[in-house]
């Protein structure tokens, strides 16, 4: 989701089998990638909030 409600930024299919290794490289790479997407949206929100309305 983007910071604007109801807008999907990306769908992510996770094909890793269960149980997932919480310290495995594949899972941690996915977590890092998704975390970057969330941070990107947070930065967009802050930038938009600083614009004069």
C-alpha atoms as a PDB file:
ATOM      1  CA  UNK A   1       0.000   0.000   0.000  1.00  0.00           C
ATOM      2  CA  UNK A   2       1.050   3.551  -0.510  1.00  0.00           C
ATOM      3  CA  UNK A   3       0.684   6.128   2.213  1.00  0.00           C
ATOM      4  CA  UNK A   4      -2.547   7.220   0.550  1.00  0.00           C
ATOM      5  CA  UNK A   5      -5.291   4.793   1.626  1.00  0.00           C
ATOM      6  CA  UNK A   6      -6.585   2.392  -0.984  1.00  0.00           C
ATOM      7  CA  UNK A   7      -3.598   2.590  -3.341  1.00  0.00           C
ATOM      8  CA  UNK A   8      -1.571  -0.564  -3.868  1.00  0.00           C
ATOM      9  CA  UNK A   9       2.078   0.042  -4.600  1.00  0.00           C
ATOM     10  CA  UNK A  10       3.027  -3.537  -5.392  1.00  0.00           C
ATOM     11  CA  UNK A  11       1.744  -7.070  -5.042  1.00  0.00           C
ATOM     12  CA  UNK A  12       4.368  -9.525  -3.842  1.00  0.00           C
ATOM     13  CA  UNK A  13       4.046 -13.251  -4.333  1.00  0.00           C
ATOM     14  CA  UNK A  14       6.049 -15.146  -1.720  1.00  0.00           C
ATOM     15  CA  UNK A  15       6.880 -18.630  -2.941  1.00  0.00           C
ATOM     16  CA  UNK A  16       9.119 -19.675  -0.060  1.00  0.00           C
ATOM     17  CA  UNK A  17       7.946 -22.881   1.592  1.00  0.00           C
ATOM     18  CA  UNK A  18       6.844 -23.079   5.218  1.00  0.00           C
ATOM     19  CA  UNK A  19       8.344 -23.127   7.727  1.00  0.00           C
ATOM     20  CA  UNK A  20      10.545 -20.199   6.687  1.00  0.00           C
ATOM     21  CA  UNK A  21      13.986 -19.826   8.172  1.00  0.00           C
ATOM     22  CA  UNK A  22      13.877 -16.499  10.065  1.00  0.00           C
ATOM     23  CA  UNK A  23      17.628 -16.031   9.607  1.00  0.00           C
ATOM     24  CA  UNK A  24      17.765 -17.323   6.023  1.00  0.00           C
ATOM     25  CA  UNK A  25      19.174 -15.092   3.299  1.00  0.00           C
ATOM     26  CA  UNK A  26      16.122 -15.347   1.017  1.00  0.00           C
ATOM     27  CA  UNK A  27      13.623 -14.269   3.674  1.00  0.00           C
ATOM     28  CA  UNK A  28      15.846 -11.480   4.951  1.00  0.00           C
ATOM     29  CA  UNK A  29      16.341 -10.125   1.426  1.00  0.00           C
ATOM     30  CA  UNK A  30      12.559 -10.028   0.987  1.00  0.00           C
ATOM     31  CA  UNK A  31      12.137  -8.268   4.337  1.00  0.00           C
ATOM     32  CA  UNK A  32      14.797  -5.719   3.375  1.00  0.00           C
ATOM     33  CA  UNK A  33      13.183  -5.073  -0.007  1.00  0.00           C
ATOM     34  CA  UNK A  34       9.708  -4.619   1.476  1.00  0.00           C
ATOM     35  CA  UNK A  35      11.099  -2.429   4.242  1.00  0.00           C
ATOM     36  CA  UNK A  36      12.635  -0.142   1.613  1.00  0.00           C
ATOM     37  CA  UNK A  37       9.246   0.176  -0.095  1.00  0.00           C
ATOM     38  CA  UNK A  38       7.635   1.184   3.200  1.00  0.00           C
ATOM     39  CA  UNK A  39      10.389   3.719   3.907  1.00  0.00           C
ATOM     40  CA  UNK A  40       9.976   5.167   0.414  1.00  0.00           C
ATOM     41  CA  UNK A  41       6.293   5.753   1.078  1.00  0.00           C
ATOM     42  CA  UNK A  42       7.052   7.289   4.458  1.00  0.00           C
ATOM     43  CA  UNK A  43       9.458   9.729   2.798  1.00  0.00           C
ATOM     44  CA  UNK A  44       6.816  10.628   0.195  1.00  0.00           C
ATOM     45  CA  UNK A  45       4.326  11.308   2.982  1.00  0.00           C
ATOM     46  CA  UNK A  46       6.742  13.574   4.863  1.00  0.00           C
ATOM     47  CA  UNK A  47       7.620  15.433   1.650  1.00  0.00           C
ATOM     48  CA  UNK A  48       3.940  15.956   0.770  1.00  0.00           C
ATOM     49  CA  UNK A  49       3.099  17.118   4.308  1.00  0.00           C
ATOM     50  CA  UNK A  50       5.817  19.775   4.133  1.00  0.00           C
ATOM     51  CA  UNK A  51       4.322  21.290   0.967  1.00  0.00           C
ATOM     52  CA  UNK A  52       2.196  24.407   1.551  1.00  0.00           C
ATOM     53  CA  UNK A  53      -1.513  23.669   1.183  1.00  0.00           C
END
